[in-house]
PDB file of all heavy atoms in Angstrom:
ATOM      1  N   TYR A   1      13.308  -5.507  -2.972  1.00  0.00           N
ATOM      2  CA  TYR A   1      11.839  -5.359  -2.969  1.00  0.00           C
ATOM      3  C   TYR A   1      11.188  -6.476  -2.165  1.00  0.00           C
ATOM      4  O   TYR A   1      10.304  -6.231  -1.336  1.00  0.00           O
ATOM      5  CB  TYR A   1      11.311  -5.344  -4.394  1.00  0.00           C
ATOM      6  CG  TYR A   1       9.886  -5.837  -4.521  1.00  0.00           C
ATOM      7  CD1 TYR A   1       8.841  -5.181  -3.880  1.00  0.00           C
ATOM      8  CD2 TYR A   1       9.583  -6.975  -5.284  1.00  0.00           C
ATOM      9  CE1 TYR A   1       7.523  -5.646  -3.979  1.00  0.00           C
ATOM     10  CE2 TYR A   1       8.287  -7.438  -5.387  1.00  0.00           C
ATOM     11  CZ  TYR A   1       7.253  -6.779  -4.734  1.00  0.00           C
ATOM     12  OH  TYR A   1       5.973  -7.244  -4.827  1.00  0.00           O
ATOM     13  N   ARG A   2      11.616  -7.713  -2.396  1.00  0.00           N
ATOM     14  CA  ARG A   2      11.028  -8.854  -1.683  1.00  0.00           C
ATOM     15  C   ARG A   2      11.241  -8.729  -0.176  1.00  0.00           C
ATOM     16  O   ARG A   2      10.353  -9.059   0.614  1.00  0.00           O
ATOM     17  CB  ARG A   2      11.661 -10.156  -2.190  1.00  0.00           C
ATOM     18  CG  ARG A   2      11.355 -10.489  -3.635  1.00  0.00           C
ATOM     19  CD  ARG A   2       9.911 -10.814  -3.857  1.00  0.00           C
ATOM     20  NE  ARG A   2       9.648 -11.152  -5.257  1.00  0.00           N
ATOM     21  CZ  ARG A   2       8.442 -11.314  -5.765  1.00  0.00           C
ATOM     22  NH1 ARG A   2       7.370 -11.151  -5.001  1.00  0.00           N
ATOM     23  NH2 ARG A   2       8.276 -11.628  -7.040  1.00  0.00           N
ATOM     24  N   ARG A   3      12.419  -8.264   0.212  1.00  0.00           N
ATOM     25  CA  ARG A   3      12.706  -8.118   1.640  1.00  0.00           C
ATOM     26  C   ARG A   3      11.797  -7.057   2.265  1.00  0.00           C
ATOM     27  O   ARG A   3      11.238  -7.259   3.355  1.00  0.00           O
ATOM     28  CB  ARG A   3      14.185  -7.772   1.844  1.00  0.00           C
ATOM     29  CG  ARG A   3      14.617  -7.739   3.303  1.00  0.00           C
ATOM     30  CD  ARG A   3      16.110  -7.770   3.438  1.00  0.00           C
ATOM     31  NE  ARG A   3      16.773  -6.652   2.781  1.00  0.00           N
ATOM     32  CZ  ARG A   3      17.518  -6.774   1.686  1.00  0.00           C
ATOM     33  NH1 ARG A   3      17.671  -7.954   1.099  1.00  0.00           N
ATOM     34  NH2 ARG A   3      18.092  -5.719   1.151  1.00  0.00           N
ATOM     35  N   PHE A   4      11.641  -5.929   1.588  1.00  0.00           N
ATOM     36  CA  PHE A   4      10.761  -4.867   2.097  1.00  0.00           C
ATOM     37  C   PHE A   4       9.312  -5.353   2.131  1.00  0.00           C
ATOM     38  O   PHE A   4       8.575  -5.061   3.078  1.00  0.00           O
ATOM     39  CB  PHE A   4      10.875  -3.626   1.208  1.00  0.00           C
ATOM     40  CG  PHE A   4      10.121  -2.432   1.718  1.00  0.00           C
ATOM     41  CD1 PHE A   4      10.653  -1.621   2.704  1.00  0.00           C
ATOM     42  CD2 PHE A   4       8.864  -2.122   1.215  1.00  0.00           C
ATOM     43  CE1 PHE A   4       9.953  -0.522   3.187  1.00  0.00           C
ATOM     44  CE2 PHE A   4       8.156  -1.024   1.683  1.00  0.00           C
ATOM     45  CZ  PHE A   4       8.703  -0.230   2.666  1.00  0.00           C
ATOM     46  N   ASP A   5       8.929  -6.091   1.126  1.00  0.00           N
ATOM     47  CA  ASP A   5       7.573  -6.638   1.072  1.00  0.00           C
ATOM     48  C   ASP A   5       7.326  -7.568   2.259  1.00  0.00           C
ATOM     49  O   ASP A   5       6.272  -7.497   2.902  1.00  0.00           O
ATOM     50  CB  ASP A   5       7.385  -7.386  -0.252  1.00  0.00           C
ATOM     51  CG  ASP A   5       5.958  -7.858  -0.461  1.00  0.00           C
ATOM     52  OD1 ASP A   5       5.049  -7.008  -0.460  1.00  0.00           O
ATOM     53  OD2 ASP A   5       5.754  -9.071  -0.622  1.00  0.00           O
ATOM     54  N   ASP A   6       8.296  -8.420   2.549  1.00  0.00           N
ATOM     55  CA  ASP A   6       8.148  -9.363   3.668  1.00  0.00           C
ATOM     56  C   ASP A   6       8.167  -8.668   5.024  1.00  0.00           C
ATOM     57  O   ASP A   6       7.360  -8.987   5.909  1.00  0.00           O
ATOM     58  CB  ASP A   6       9.265 -10.412   3.626  1.00  0.00           C
ATOM     59  CG  ASP A   6       9.066 -11.439   2.525  1.00  0.00           C
ATOM     60  OD1 ASP A   6       7.927 -11.596   2.061  1.00  0.00           O
ATOM     61  OD2 ASP A   6      10.058 -12.072   2.125  1.00  0.00           O
ATOM     62  N   GLU A   7       9.108  -7.736   5.188  1.00  0.00           N
ATOM     63  CA  GLU A   7       9.347  -7.157   6.510  1.00  0.00           C
ATOM     64  C   GLU A   7       8.417  -5.999   6.848  1.00  0.00           C
ATOM     65  O   GLU A   7       8.135  -5.761   8.033  1.00  0.00           O
ATOM     66  CB  GLU A   7      10.805  -6.689   6.604  1.00  0.00           C
ATOM     67  CG  GLU A   7      11.819  -7.832   6.506  1.00  0.00           C
ATOM     68  CD  GLU A   7      13.252  -7.344   6.501  1.00  0.00           C
ATOM     69  OE1 GLU A   7      13.468  -6.105   6.513  1.00  0.00           O
ATOM     70  OE2 GLU A   7      14.169  -8.189   6.481  1.00  0.00           O
ATOM     71  N   VAL A   8       7.929  -5.281   5.850  1.00  0.00           N
ATOM     72  CA  VAL A   8       7.127  -4.078   6.115  1.00  0.00           C
ATOM     73  C   VAL A   8       5.707  -4.194   5.566  1.00  0.00           C
ATOM     74  O   VAL A   8       4.730  -3.970   6.292  1.00  0.00           O
ATOM     75  CB  VAL A   8       7.816  -2.824   5.525  1.00  0.00           C
ATOM     76  CG1 VAL A   8       6.974  -1.575   5.805  1.00  0.00           C
ATOM     77  CG2 VAL A   8       9.220  -2.656   6.095  1.00  0.00           C
ATOM     78  N   ILE A   9       5.587  -4.549   4.294  1.00  0.00           N
ATOM     79  CA  ILE A   9       4.274  -4.543   3.659  1.00  0.00           C
ATOM     80  C   ILE A   9       3.352  -5.633   4.213  1.00  0.00           C
ATOM     81  O   ILE A   9       2.191  -5.367   4.544  1.00  0.00           O
ATOM     82  CB  ILE A   9       4.411  -4.697   2.130  1.00  0.00           C
ATOM     83  CG1 ILE A   9       5.195  -3.517   1.543  1.00  0.00           C
ATOM     84  CG2 ILE A   9       3.027  -4.792   1.485  1.00  0.00           C
ATOM     85  CD1 ILE A   9       4.548  -2.163   1.737  1.00  0.00           C
ATOM     86  N   ARG A  10       3.859  -6.841   4.341  1.00  0.00           N
ATOM     87  CA  ARG A  10       2.999  -7.933   4.833  1.00  0.00           C
ATOM     88  C   ARG A  10       2.467  -7.664   6.242  1.00  0.00           C
ATOM     89  O   ARG A  10       1.275  -7.920   6.505  1.00  0.00           O
ATOM     90  CB  ARG A  10       3.746  -9.267   4.766  1.00  0.00           C
ATOM     91  CG  ARG A  10       3.910  -9.777   3.337  1.00  0.00           C
ATOM     92  CD  ARG A  10       4.546 -11.156   3.299  1.00  0.00           C
ATOM     93  NE  ARG A  10       4.731 -11.602   1.926  1.00  0.00           N
ATOM     94  CZ  ARG A  10       4.381 -12.798   1.461  1.00  0.00           C
ATOM     95  NH1 ARG A  10       3.804 -13.658   2.282  1.00  0.00           N
ATOM     96  NH2 ARG A  10       4.588 -13.142   0.215  1.00  0.00           N
ATOM     97  N   PRO A  11       3.274  -7.173   7.178  1.00  0.00           N
ATOM     98  CA  PRO A  11       2.710  -6.825   8.489  1.00  0.00           C
ATOM     99  C   PRO A  11       1.627  -5.747   8.401  1.00  0.00           C
ATOM    100  O   PRO A  11       0.635  -5.809   9.134  1.00  0.00           O
ATOM    101  CB  PRO A  11       3.930  -6.338   9.276  1.00  0.00           C
ATOM    102  CG  PRO A  11       5.085  -7.064   8.667  1.00  0.00           C
ATOM    103  CD  PRO A  11       4.755  -7.113   7.199  1.00  0.00           C
ATOM    104  N   ILE A  12       1.813  -4.773   7.503  1.00  0.00           N
ATOM    105  CA  ILE A  12       0.776  -3.758   7.311  1.00  0.00           C
ATOM    106  C   ILE A  12      -0.513  -4.419   6.831  1.00  0.00           C
ATOM    107  O   ILE A  12      -1.610  -4.094   7.298  1.00  0.00           O
ATOM    108  CB  ILE A  12       1.242  -2.690   6.293  1.00  0.00           C
ATOM    109  CG1 ILE A  12       2.354  -1.827   6.888  1.00  0.00           C
ATOM    110  CG2 ILE A  12       0.059  -1.804   5.857  1.00  0.00           C
ATOM    111  CD1 ILE A  12       2.951  -0.837   5.900  1.00  0.00           C
ATOM    112  N   GLU A  13      -0.381  -5.360   5.911  1.00  0.00           N
ATOM    113  CA  GLU A  13      -1.554  -6.038   5.374  1.00  0.00           C
ATOM    114  C   GLU A  13      -2.280  -6.834   6.457  1.00  0.00           C
ATOM    115  O   GLU A  13      -3.508  -6.823   6.535  1.00  0.00           O
ATOM    116  CB  GLU A  13      -1.139  -6.954   4.224  1.00  0.00           C
ATOM    117  CG  GLU A  13      -0.673  -6.186   2.993  1.00  0.00           C
ATOM    118  CD  GLU A  13      -0.226  -7.086   1.864  1.00  0.00           C
ATOM    119  OE1 GLU A  13       0.181  -8.236   2.133  1.00  0.00           O
ATOM    120  OE2 GLU A  13      -0.284  -6.634   0.701  1.00  0.00           O
ATOM    121  N   LEU A  14      -1.511  -7.530   7.278  1.00  0.00           N
ATOM    122  CA  LEU A  14      -2.135  -8.318   8.345  1.00  0.00           C
ATOM    123  C   LEU A  14      -2.902  -7.421   9.309  1.00  0.00           C
ATOM    124  O   LEU A  14      -3.978  -7.778   9.792  1.00  0.00           O
ATOM    125  CB  LEU A  14      -1.064  -9.119   9.095  1.00  0.00           C
ATOM    126  CG  LEU A  14      -0.426 -10.268   8.313  1.00  0.00           C
ATOM    127  CD1 LEU A  14       0.726 -10.877   9.111  1.00  0.00           C
ATOM    128  CD2 LEU A  14      -1.458 -11.342   7.979  1.00  0.00           C
ATOM    129  N   ALA A  15      -2.347  -6.240   9.593  1.00  0.00           N
ATOM    130  CA  ALA A  15      -3.037  -5.301  10.481  1.00  0.00           C
ATOM    131  C   ALA A  15      -4.281  -4.728   9.811  1.00  0.00           C
ATOM    132  O   ALA A  15      -5.366  -4.668  10.402  1.00  0.00           O
ATOM    133  CB  ALA A  15      -2.088  -4.181  10.899  1.00  0.00           C
ATOM    134  N   ASP A  16      -4.140  -4.322   8.559  1.00  0.00           N
ATOM    135  CA  ASP A  16      -5.259  -3.676   7.866  1.00  0.00           C
ATOM    136  C   ASP A  16      -6.389  -4.650   7.566  1.00  0.00           C
ATOM    137  O   ASP A  16      -7.554  -4.248   7.459  1.00  0.00           O
ATOM    138  CB  ASP A  16      -4.764  -3.033   6.565  1.00  0.00           C
ATOM    139  CG  ASP A  16      -5.624  -1.850   6.143  1.00  0.00           C
ATOM    140  OD1 ASP A  16      -5.486  -0.777   6.753  1.00  0.00           O
ATOM    141  OD2 ASP A  16      -6.453  -2.021   5.227  1.00  0.00           O
ATOM    142  N   ASN A  17      -6.042  -5.934   7.450  1.00  0.00           N
ATOM    143  CA  ASN A  17      -7.058  -6.952   7.208  1.00  0.00           C
ATOM    144  C   ASN A  17      -7.575  -7.571   8.496  1.00  0.00           C
ATOM    145  O   ASN A  17      -8.284  -8.582   8.481  1.00  0.00           O
ATOM    146  CB  ASN A  17      -6.504  -8.039   6.283  1.00  0.00           C
ATOM    147  CG  ASN A  17      -6.384  -7.570   4.843  1.00  0.00           C
ATOM    148  OD1 ASN A  17      -7.280  -6.943   4.298  1.00  0.00           O
ATOM    149  ND2 ASN A  17      -5.246  -7.856   4.214  1.00  0.00           N
ATOM    150  N   GLY A  18      -7.207  -6.969   9.647  1.00  0.00           N
ATOM    151  CA  GLY A  18      -7.772  -7.377  10.919  1.00  0.00           C
ATOM    152  C   GLY A  18      -7.236  -8.663  11.489  1.00  0.00           C
ATOM    153  O   GLY A  18      -7.942  -9.349  12.237  1.00  0.00           O
ATOM    154  N   VAL A  19      -5.967  -8.992  11.179  1.00  0.00           N
ATOM    155  CA  VAL A  19      -5.373 -10.234  11.691  1.00  0.00           C
ATOM    156  C   VAL A  19      -4.548  -9.968  12.946  1.00  0.00           C
ATOM    157  O   VAL A  19      -4.804 -10.536  14.004  1.00  0.00           O
ATOM    158  CB  VAL A  19      -4.517 -10.920  10.612  1.00  0.00           C
ATOM    159  CG1 VAL A  19      -3.901 -12.207  11.166  1.00  0.00           C
ATOM    160  CG2 VAL A  19      -5.357 -11.214   9.369  1.00  0.00           C
ATOM    161  N   VAL A  20      -3.548  -9.111  12.836  1.00  0.00           N
ATOM    162  CA  VAL A  20      -2.688  -8.819  13.986  1.00  0.00           C
ATOM    163  C   VAL A  20      -2.029  -7.455  13.786  1.00  0.00           C
ATOM    164  O   VAL A  20      -1.662  -7.091  12.663  1.00  0.00           O
ATOM    165  CB  VAL A  20      -1.603  -9.914  14.169  1.00  0.00           C
ATOM    166  CG1 VAL A  20      -0.698 -10.007  12.950  1.00  0.00           C
ATOM    167  CG2 VAL A  20      -0.776  -9.679  15.426  1.00  0.00           C
ATOM    168  N   LEU A  21      -1.892  -6.690  14.856  1.00  0.00           N
ATOM    169  CA  LEU A  21      -1.246  -5.382  14.781  1.00  0.00           C
ATOM    170  C   LEU A  21       0.269  -5.528  14.768  1.00  0.00           C
ATOM    171  O   LEU A  21       0.814  -6.581  15.076  1.00  0.00           O
ATOM    172  CB  LEU A  21      -1.676  -4.513  15.962  1.00  0.00           C
ATOM    173  CG  LEU A  21      -3.084  -3.924  15.894  1.00  0.00           C
ATOM    174  CD1 LEU A  21      -3.418  -3.212  17.201  1.00  0.00           C
ATOM    175  CD2 LEU A  21      -3.204  -2.949  14.721  1.00  0.00           C
ATOM    176  N   ASN A  22       0.933  -4.458  14.411  1.00  0.00           N
ATOM    177  CA  ASN A  22       2.393  -4.434  14.409  1.00  0.00           C
ATOM    178  C   ASN A  22       2.845  -3.027  14.773  1.00  0.00           C
ATOM    179  O   ASN A  22       2.088  -2.060  14.634  1.00  0.00           O
ATOM    180  CB  ASN A  22       2.946  -4.849  13.038  1.00  0.00           C
ATOM    181  CG  ASN A  22       2.563  -3.855  11.959  1.00  0.00           C
ATOM    182  OD1 ASN A  22       3.233  -2.856  11.755  1.00  0.00           O
ATOM    183  ND2 ASN A  22       1.443  -4.113  11.264  1.00  0.00           N
ATOM    184  N   PRO A  23       4.085  -2.861  15.244  1.00  0.00           N
ATOM    185  CA  PRO A  23       4.561  -1.548  15.692  1.00  0.00           C
ATOM    186  C   PRO A  23       4.529  -0.478  14.608  1.00  0.00           C
ATOM    187  O   PRO A  23       4.227   0.688  14.897  1.00  0.00           O
ATOM    188  CB  PRO A  23       5.993  -1.842  16.146  1.00  0.00           C
ATOM    189  CG  PRO A  23       5.979  -3.277  16.538  1.00  0.00           C
ATOM    190  CD  PRO A  23       5.044  -3.936  15.570  1.00  0.00           C
ATOM    191  N   PHE A  24       4.812  -0.845  13.356  1.00  0.00           N
ATOM    192  CA  PHE A  24       4.841   0.166  12.298  1.00  0.00           C
ATOM    193  C   PHE A  24       3.445   0.742  12.071  1.00  0.00           C
ATOM    194  O   PHE A  24       3.274   1.963  11.969  1.00  0.00           O
ATOM    195  CB  PHE A  24       5.391  -0.431  11.004  1.00  0.00           C
ATOM    196  CG  PHE A  24       5.588   0.578   9.910  1.00  0.00           C
ATOM    197  CD1 PHE A  24       6.737   1.346   9.853  1.00  0.00           C
ATOM    198  CD2 PHE A  24       4.616   0.777   8.945  1.00  0.00           C
ATOM    199  CE1 PHE A  24       6.926   2.293   8.856  1.00  0.00           C
ATOM    200  CE2 PHE A  24       4.791   1.719   7.936  1.00  0.00           C
ATOM    201  CZ  PHE A  24       5.948   2.475   7.895  1.00  0.00           C
ATOM    202  N   SER A  25       2.451  -0.129  11.990  1.00  0.00           N
ATOM    203  CA  SER A  25       1.076   0.350  11.789  1.00  0.00           C
ATOM    204  C   SER A  25       0.618   1.216  12.958  1.00  0.00           C
ATOM    205  O   SER A  25      -0.073   2.224  12.775  1.00  0.00           O
ATOM    206  CB  SER A  25       0.129  -0.833  11.611  1.00  0.00           C
ATOM    207  OG  SER A  25       0.417  -1.531  10.416  1.00  0.00           O
ATOM    208  N   LEU A  26       1.018   0.838  14.170  1.00  0.00           N
ATOM    209  CA  LEU A  26       0.674   1.636  15.346  1.00  0.00           C
ATOM    210  C   LEU A  26       1.352   3.009  15.298  1.00  0.00           C
ATOM    211  O   LEU A  26       0.765   4.012  15.688  1.00  0.00           O
ATOM    212  CB  LEU A  26       1.073   0.889  16.617  1.00  0.00           C
ATOM    213  CG  LEU A  26       0.241  -0.353  16.952  1.00  0.00           C
ATOM    214  CD1 LEU A  26       0.867  -1.102  18.133  1.00  0.00           C
ATOM    215  CD2 LEU A  26      -1.200   0.035  17.275  1.00  0.00           C
ATOM    216  N   ALA A  27       2.599   3.025  14.804  1.00  0.00           N
ATOM    217  CA  ALA A  27       3.316   4.297  14.693  1.00  0.00           C
ATOM    218  C   ALA A  27       2.615   5.233  13.716  1.00  0.00           C
ATOM    219  O   ALA A  27       2.459   6.432  13.978  1.00  0.00           O
ATOM    220  CB  ALA A  27       4.761   4.050  14.247  1.00  0.00           C
ATOM    221  N   VAL A  28       2.160   4.700  12.599  1.00  0.00           N
ATOM    222  CA  VAL A  28       1.437   5.525  11.620  1.00  0.00           C
ATOM    223  C   VAL A  28       0.111   6.010  12.208  1.00  0.00           C
ATOM    224  O   VAL A  28      -0.279   7.167  12.027  1.00  0.00           O
ATOM    225  CB  VAL A  28       1.202   4.731  10.320  1.00  0.00           C
ATOM    226  CG1 VAL A  28       0.345   5.541   9.354  1.00  0.00           C
ATOM    227  CG2 VAL A  28       2.530   4.374   9.655  1.00  0.00           C
ATOM    228  N   SER A  29      -0.558   5.142  12.947  1.00  0.00           N
ATOM    229  CA  SER A  29      -1.844   5.520  13.555  1.00  0.00           C
ATOM    230  C   SER A  29      -1.687   6.636  14.585  1.00  0.00           C
ATOM    231  O   SER A  29      -2.652   7.352  14.883  1.00  0.00           O
ATOM    232  CB  SER A  29      -2.488   4.304  14.213  1.00  0.00           C
ATOM    233  OG  SER A  29      -2.860   3.344  13.253  1.00  0.00           O
ATOM    234  N   SER A  30      -0.482   6.795  15.118  1.00  0.00           N
ATOM    235  CA  SER A  30      -0.262   7.850  16.112  1.00  0.00           C
ATOM    236  C   SER A  30      -0.403   9.244  15.514  1.00  0.00           C
ATOM    237  O   SER A  30      -0.526  10.228  16.247  1.00  0.00           O
ATOM    238  CB  SER A  30       1.116   7.699  16.764  1.00  0.00           C
ATOM    239  OG  SER A  30       2.158   8.022  15.848  1.00  0.00           O
ATOM    240  N   PHE A  31      -0.395   9.342  14.179  1.00  0.00           N
ATOM    241  CA  PHE A  31      -0.566  10.633  13.520  1.00  0.00           C
ATOM    242  C   PHE A  31      -2.038  11.006  13.362  1.00  0.00           C
ATOM    243  O   PHE A  31      -2.350  12.141  12.985  1.00  0.00           O
ATOM    244  CB  PHE A  31       0.114  10.629  12.150  1.00  0.00           C
ATOM    245  CG  PHE A  31       1.620  10.646  12.214  1.00  0.00           C
ATOM    246  CD1 PHE A  31       2.344   9.467  12.214  1.00  0.00           C
ATOM    247  CD2 PHE A  31       2.309  11.851  12.271  1.00  0.00           C
ATOM    248  CE1 PHE A  31       3.723   9.477  12.264  1.00  0.00           C
ATOM    249  CE2 PHE A  31       3.692  11.882  12.332  1.00  0.00           C
ATOM    250  CZ  PHE A  31       4.409  10.686  12.333  1.00  0.00           C
ATOM    251  N   VAL A  32      -2.931  10.061  13.625  1.00  0.00           N
ATOM    252  CA  VAL A  32      -4.365  10.386  13.570  1.00  0.00           C
ATOM    253  C   VAL A  32      -4.681  11.382  14.682  1.00  0.00           C
ATOM    254  O   VAL A  32      -4.374  11.117  15.855  1.00  0.00           O
ATOM    255  CB  VAL A  32      -5.217   9.113  13.738  1.00  0.00           C
ATOM    256  CG1 VAL A  32      -6.703   9.482  13.811  1.00  0.00           C
ATOM    257  CG2 VAL A  32      -4.968   8.142  12.593  1.00  0.00           C
ATOM    258  N   PRO A  33      -5.264  12.528  14.352  1.00  0.00           N
ATOM    259  CA  PRO A  33      -5.531  13.542  15.384  1.00  0.00           C
ATOM    260  C   PRO A  33      -6.450  13.015  16.485  1.00  0.00           C
ATOM    261  O   PRO A  33      -7.368  12.222  16.230  1.00  0.00           O
ATOM    262  CB  PRO A  33      -6.213  14.672  14.596  1.00  0.00           C
ATOM    263  CG  PRO A  33      -5.763  14.473  13.184  1.00  0.00           C
ATOM    264  CD  PRO A  33      -5.638  12.999  13.007  1.00  0.00           C
ATOM    265  N   ASN A  34      -6.199  13.439  17.702  1.00  0.00           N
ATOM    266  CA  ASN A  34      -7.079  13.088  18.820  1.00  0.00           C
ATOM    267  C   ASN A  34      -8.458  13.708  18.612  1.00  0.00           C
ATOM    268  O   ASN A  34      -8.625  14.689  17.870  1.00  0.00           O
ATOM    269  CB  ASN A  34      -6.484  13.579  20.138  1.00  0.00           C
ATOM    270  CG  ASN A  34      -5.155  12.906  20.448  1.00  0.00           C
ATOM    271  OD1 ASN A  34      -4.965  11.729  20.134  1.00  0.00           O
ATOM    272  ND2 ASN A  34      -4.250  13.655  21.047  1.00  0.00           N
ATOM    273  N   TRP A  35      -9.433  13.171  19.263  1.00  0.00           N
ATOM    274  CA  TRP A  35     -10.810  13.646  19.087  1.00  0.00           C
ATOM    275  C   TRP A  35     -10.972  15.117  19.411  1.00  0.00           C
ATOM    276  O   TRP A  35     -11.818  15.814  18.835  1.00  0.00           O
ATOM    277  CB  TRP A  35     -11.767  12.819  19.944  1.00  0.00           C
ATOM    278  CG  TRP A  35     -11.595  13.048  21.433  1.00  0.00           C
ATOM    279  CD1 TRP A  35     -10.752  12.389  22.267  1.00  0.00           C
ATOM    280  CD2 TRP A  35     -12.270  14.024  22.230  1.00  0.00           C
ATOM    281  NE1 TRP A  35     -10.844  12.875  23.550  1.00  0.00           N
ATOM    282  CE2 TRP A  35     -11.774  13.883  23.563  1.00  0.00           C
ATOM    283  CE3 TRP A  35     -13.242  15.001  21.982  1.00  0.00           C
ATOM    284  CZ2 TRP A  35     -12.232  14.682  24.615  1.00  0.00           C
ATOM    285  CZ3 TRP A  35     -13.689  15.786  23.033  1.00  0.00           C
ATOM    286  CH2 TRP A  35     -13.179  15.620  24.334  1.00  0.00           C
ATOM    287  N   ASP A  36     -10.132  15.619  20.350  1.00  0.00           N
ATOM    288  CA  ASP A  36     -10.262  17.020  20.755  1.00  0.00           C
ATOM    289  C   ASP A  36      -9.134  17.883  20.196  1.00  0.00           C
ATOM    290  O   ASP A  36      -8.880  18.987  20.681  1.00  0.00           O
ATOM    291  CB  ASP A  36     -10.289  17.124  22.279  1.00  0.00           C
ATOM    292  CG  ASP A  36      -9.093  16.455  22.946  1.00  0.00           C
ATOM    293  OD1 ASP A  36      -8.293  15.792  22.233  1.00  0.00           O
ATOM    294  OD2 ASP A  36      -8.944  16.592  24.179  1.00  0.00           O
ATOM    295  N   SER A  37      -8.471  17.385  19.157  1.00  0.00           N
ATOM    296  CA  SER A  37      -7.378  18.143  18.553  1.00  0.00           C
ATOM    297  C   SER A  37      -7.917  19.160  17.552  1.00  0.00           C
ATOM    298  O   SER A  37      -8.951  18.949  16.916  1.00  0.00           O
ATOM    299  CB  SER A  37      -6.416  17.189  17.838  1.00  0.00           C
ATOM    300  OG  SER A  37      -5.448  17.909  17.100  1.00  0.00           O
ATOM    301  N   GLU A  38      -7.222  20.265  17.405  1.00  0.00           N
ATOM    302  CA  GLU A  38      -7.586  21.258  16.404  1.00  0.00           C
ATOM    303  C   GLU A  38      -7.047  20.888  15.030  1.00  0.00           C
ATOM    304  O   GLU A  38      -7.431  21.476  14.016  1.00  0.00           O
ATOM    305  CB  GLU A  38      -7.047  22.638  16.817  1.00  0.00           C
ATOM    306  CG  GLU A  38      -7.694  23.191  18.087  1.00  0.00           C
ATOM    307  CD  GLU A  38      -7.193  24.582  18.429  1.00  0.00           C
ATOM    308  OE1 GLU A  38      -6.336  25.104  17.671  1.00  0.00           O
ATOM    309  OE2 GLU A  38      -7.651  25.141  19.438  1.00  0.00           O
TER     310      GLU A  38
END
């Protein structure tokens, strides 16, 4: 749990709190539909 928290959760938190982006958060954001998507 601690390892997952350090390696995955903390980077998500830093991105969501406006500190720094990370590849995982960007990958999840890629699922947000484009403005002209159906």
